[in-house]
Amino acid sequence: MKETVNQFIRDRFKDKKGTPVGFNRLAEPKAFAQDLGNFIYQLHKLEATGAQSAELMLPVIEAEFFTLLDQMKRVVPVEDLRMYWEKASRNPWTKSPVVLHGNLNLETVWVTKDKFSGVVETDVLIVGDPASDLTIAWEIFDEKQRKIFFSAVEADKATVIRARVWAVYKAMKNYNSTDIDQSILVRDVLFRINEELGLGAEPDLY
């Protein structure tokens, strides 16, 4: 099944190699959001039979999420995020698990001449909640571009809510990274989500 996913990636991009999108400013971010969203939508439509990995759903990260929250009391609105977790958990993914890439980020998503041009191939087949593949929305796009991205991937409101939780989890997990770029990125993600949700005072992220 892993080879099926990687063949899908190769067929989609004809073995073209781009450069990581990184922190580069995109000249056409709305088109990039549309194209990336379309790719993820098609990926999630692949047949998931034969998967050997565990299903990646919110309950899998619950204990670690709350542990990380307790460790982040000085930099994130802990109680607000606890309530947001509860909101997300009341609207779980109830359909069959979908095929996930599992590692979409600024280093694994490629750009060529300002256009979305591919992703790295996957090392292991992962299935689960499509929301977990959408965290890149807060790494690359602004609010308007995120709307285009979520529309292209056909994410409903509940999926976007869960995606925010996955994004917060990922950011908290990497908060103390020794990689300067990664450290800046996770703080930006937390700030964007805090601002987007109107969670009160600006957190002390720097």
Protein backbone atom coordinates (compact mmCIF):
# COMPACT_ATOMS: atom_id res chain seq x y z
CA MET A 1 0.00 0.00 0.00
CA LYS A 2 2.89 2.38 0.74
CA GLU A 3 4.08 1.88 -2.83
CA THR A 4 0.58 2.69 -4.09
CA VAL A 5 0.73 6.05 -2.30
CA ASN A 6 4.22 6.80 -3.59
CA GLN A 7 3.23 5.79 -7.11
CA PHE A 8 0.30 8.21 -6.82
CA ILE A 9 2.77 10.96 -5.88
CA ARG A 10 5.09 10.08 -8.76
CA ASP A 11 2.23 9.94 -11.25
CA ARG A 12 0.84 13.25 -10.01
CA PHE A 13 4.14 15.09 -10.35
CA LYS A 14 5.93 13.00 -13.03
CA ASP A 15 9.02 12.63 -10.82
CA LYS A 16 9.62 16.38 -10.89
CA LYS A 17 11.79 17.75 -8.11
CA GLY A 18 11.27 21.18 -6.65
CA THR A 19 12.69 23.00 -3.67
CA PRO A 20 11.13 23.07 -0.19
CA VAL A 21 8.62 25.87 0.10
CA GLY A 22 10.26 26.95 3.36
CA PHE A 23 9.68 30.53 4.49
CA ASN A 24 9.80 31.89 0.96
CA ARG A 25 7.12 34.42 0.09
CA LEU A 26 4.87 33.04 -2.64
CA ALA A 27 3.90 35.33 -5.51
CA GLU A 28 0.64 33.40 -6.00
CA PRO A 29 -0.25 31.96 -2.57
CA LYS A 30 -3.95 31.54 -3.39
CA ALA A 31 -3.14 29.32 -6.38
CA PHE A 32 -0.66 27.41 -4.22
CA ALA A 33 -3.33 26.90 -1.55
CA GLN A 34 -5.79 25.64 -4.17
CA ASP A 35 -3.31 23.23 -5.75
CA LEU A 36 -2.02 21.85 -2.45
CA GLY A 37 -5.58 21.39 -1.22
CA ASN A 38 -6.54 19.55 -4.41
CA PHE A 39 -3.58 17.21 -4.04
CA ILE A 40 -4.43 16.37 -0.42
CA TYR A 41 -8.09 15.83 -1.35
CA GLN A 42 -7.07 13.32 -4.02
CA LEU A 43 -4.60 11.61 -1.70
CA HIS A 44 -7.29 11.13 0.93
CA LYS A 45 -9.48 9.43 -1.68
CA LEU A 46 -7.03 6.57 -2.22
CA GLU A 47 -8.19 3.14 -1.09
CA ALA A 48 -6.95 2.50 2.44
CA THR A 49 -7.18 -1.29 2.45
CA GLY A 50 -4.10 -3.17 3.55
CA ALA A 51 -2.88 -0.48 5.92
CA GLN A 52 -0.76 -1.85 8.74
CA SER A 53 -0.29 1.34 10.74
CA ALA A 54 -2.50 2.38 13.63
CA GLU A 55 -5.33 4.80 12.99
CA LEU A 56 -4.19 8.36 13.69
CA MET A 57 -7.14 9.91 15.53
CA LEU A 58 -7.40 12.55 18.27
CA PRO A 59 -7.59 10.03 21.15
CA VAL A 60 -4.11 8.80 20.18
CA ILE A 61 -2.57 12.15 21.15
CA GLU A 62 -4.90 13.10 24.02
CA ALA A 63 -2.62 12.25 26.95
CA GLU A 64 0.42 13.90 25.36
CA PHE A 65 -1.61 16.96 24.33
CA PHE A 66 -2.65 17.69 27.93
CA THR A 67 0.85 16.97 29.24
CA LEU A 68 2.25 19.49 26.76
CA LEU A 69 -0.42 22.03 27.76
CA ASP A 70 0.63 21.73 31.40
CA GLN A 71 4.22 22.37 30.36
CA MET A 72 3.23 25.43 28.33
CA LYS A 73 1.25 27.32 30.97
CA ARG A 74 3.35 30.46 30.63
CA VAL A 75 3.10 30.75 26.87
CA VAL A 76 -0.35 29.52 25.74
CA PRO A 77 -3.93 30.07 26.97
CA VAL A 78 -4.16 26.66 28.60
CA GLU A 79 -7.79 26.70 29.75
CA ASP A 80 -9.02 28.05 26.43
CA LEU A 81 -7.16 25.31 24.58
CA ARG A 82 -8.53 22.67 26.94
CA MET A 83 -12.02 23.86 26.04
CA TYR A 84 -11.12 23.86 22.35
CA TRP A 85 -9.89 20.27 22.64
CA GLU A 86 -13.26 19.34 24.13
CA LYS A 87 -15.01 21.05 21.22
CA ALA A 88 -12.89 19.11 18.73
CA SER A 89 -13.36 15.80 20.53
CA ARG A 90 -17.15 16.22 20.40
CA ASN A 91 -16.90 16.20 16.62
CA PRO A 92 -14.60 13.24 15.82
CA TRP A 93 -13.91 11.75 12.42
CA THR A 94 -16.54 9.01 12.18
CA LYS A 95 -16.04 7.87 8.60
CA SER A 96 -13.50 5.27 7.52
CA PRO A 97 -9.86 6.26 8.10
CA VAL A 98 -8.29 7.88 5.05
CA VAL A 99 -4.80 7.51 3.61
CA LEU A 100 -2.54 10.22 5.05
CA HIS A 101 0.79 11.60 3.99
CA GLY A 102 1.60 12.22 7.64
CA ASN A 103 4.52 14.59 7.14
CA LEU A 104 3.45 17.67 5.21
CA ASN A 105 5.52 20.67 6.25
CA LEU A 106 7.72 23.46 4.91
CA GLU A 107 10.52 21.01 4.08
CA THR A 108 8.46 18.24 2.47
CA VAL A 109 6.17 20.37 0.27
CA TRP A 110 7.89 21.60 -2.88
CA VAL A 111 7.65 24.66 -5.04
CA THR A 112 8.97 25.32 -8.56
CA LYS A 113 8.69 28.76 -10.14
CA ASP A 114 6.26 29.74 -7.38
CA LYS A 115 3.91 26.85 -8.11
CA PHE A 116 3.16 23.78 -6.01
CA SER A 117 5.26 21.04 -7.59
CA GLY A 118 5.25 18.01 -5.32
CA VAL A 119 5.82 16.40 -1.94
CA VAL A 120 8.35 13.92 -0.63
CA GLU A 121 7.37 10.29 -0.78
CA THR A 122 6.21 8.57 2.38
CA ASP A 123 8.21 6.04 4.41
CA VAL A 124 5.23 4.30 5.97
CA LEU A 125 1.53 4.06 5.26
CA ILE A 126 -0.55 6.01 7.77
CA VAL A 127 -4.33 6.11 7.93
CA GLY A 128 -6.69 8.12 10.09
CA ASP A 129 -8.36 11.50 10.47
CA PRO A 130 -7.79 13.75 7.41
CA ALA A 131 -7.49 16.72 9.78
CA SER A 132 -4.01 15.60 10.81
CA ASP A 133 -2.73 16.30 7.27
CA LEU A 134 -4.00 19.89 7.28
CA THR A 135 -1.75 21.52 9.88
CA ILE A 136 0.42 23.02 7.17
CA ALA A 137 -2.39 25.54 6.60
CA TRP A 138 -1.13 27.57 9.59
CA GLU A 139 2.50 27.21 8.56
CA ILE A 140 2.15 28.72 5.08
CA PHE A 141 -1.11 30.58 4.58
CA ASP A 142 -2.89 33.63 5.93
CA GLU A 143 -6.58 33.56 6.87
CA LYS A 144 -7.95 34.07 3.34
CA GLN A 145 -5.54 31.56 1.84
CA ARG A 146 -6.46 29.00 4.50
CA LYS A 147 -10.10 29.29 3.47
CA ILE A 148 -9.14 28.51 -0.13
CA PHE A 149 -7.03 25.57 1.05
CA PHE A 150 -9.78 24.11 3.24
CA SER A 151 -12.32 24.55 0.45
CA ALA A 152 -10.05 22.72 -2.02
CA VAL A 153 -9.55 19.83 0.37
CA GLU A 154 -13.32 19.84 1.09
CA ALA A 155 -12.80 20.04 4.84
CA ASP A 156 -16.00 20.64 6.79
CA LYS A 157 -16.14 22.86 9.88
CA ALA A 158 -15.54 19.98 12.29
CA THR A 159 -12.46 18.86 10.37
CA VAL A 160 -11.01 22.38 10.44
CA ILE A 161 -11.59 22.48 14.21
CA ARG A 162 -9.72 19.21 14.65
CA ALA A 163 -6.97 20.42 12.30
CA ARG A 164 -6.38 23.41 14.60
CA VAL A 165 -5.96 21.02 17.51
CA TRP A 166 -3.47 18.93 15.53
CA ALA A 167 -1.60 22.14 14.62
CA VAL A 168 -1.44 23.24 18.27
CA TYR A 169 -0.23 19.77 19.28
CA LYS A 170 2.48 19.77 16.61
CA ALA A 171 3.61 23.28 17.57
CA MET A 172 3.77 22.50 21.29
CA LYS A 173 5.67 19.29 20.62
CA ASN A 174 8.33 21.20 18.67
CA TYR A 175 8.32 24.35 20.80
CA ASN A 176 11.75 23.72 22.31
CA SER A 177 13.41 22.69 19.06
CA THR A 178 17.07 23.64 18.76
CA ASP A 179 16.46 24.42 15.08
CA ILE A 180 16.01 28.20 14.90
CA ASP A 181 13.68 28.09 11.89
CA GLN A 182 11.53 25.42 13.52
CA SER A 183 11.42 27.41 16.76
CA ILE A 184 10.24 30.54 14.92
CA LEU A 185 7.69 28.55 12.93
CA VAL A 186 5.97 26.93 15.90
CA ARG A 187 5.67 30.27 17.67
CA ASP A 188 4.14 31.79 14.55
CA VAL A 189 1.66 28.90 14.31
CA LEU A 190 0.59 29.31 17.93
CA PHE A 191 0.25 33.07 17.49
CA ARG A 192 -1.87 32.67 14.33
CA ILE A 193 -4.21 30.18 15.99
CA ASN A 194 -4.47 32.28 19.15
CA GLU A 195 -5.32 35.31 17.01
CA GLU A 196 -7.72 33.36 14.79
CA LEU A 197 -9.68 32.05 17.76
CA GLY A 198 -9.61 35.35 19.67
CA LEU A 199 -8.17 33.71 22.76
CA GLY A 200 -7.58 36.90 24.66
CA ALA A 201 -4.20 38.38 25.39
CA GLU A 202 -1.28 37.72 23.11
CA PRO A 203 0.74 34.80 24.49
CA ASP A 204 4.35 35.27 25.54
CA LEU A 205 5.90 33.24 22.72
CA TYR A 206 9.31 34.86 22.40
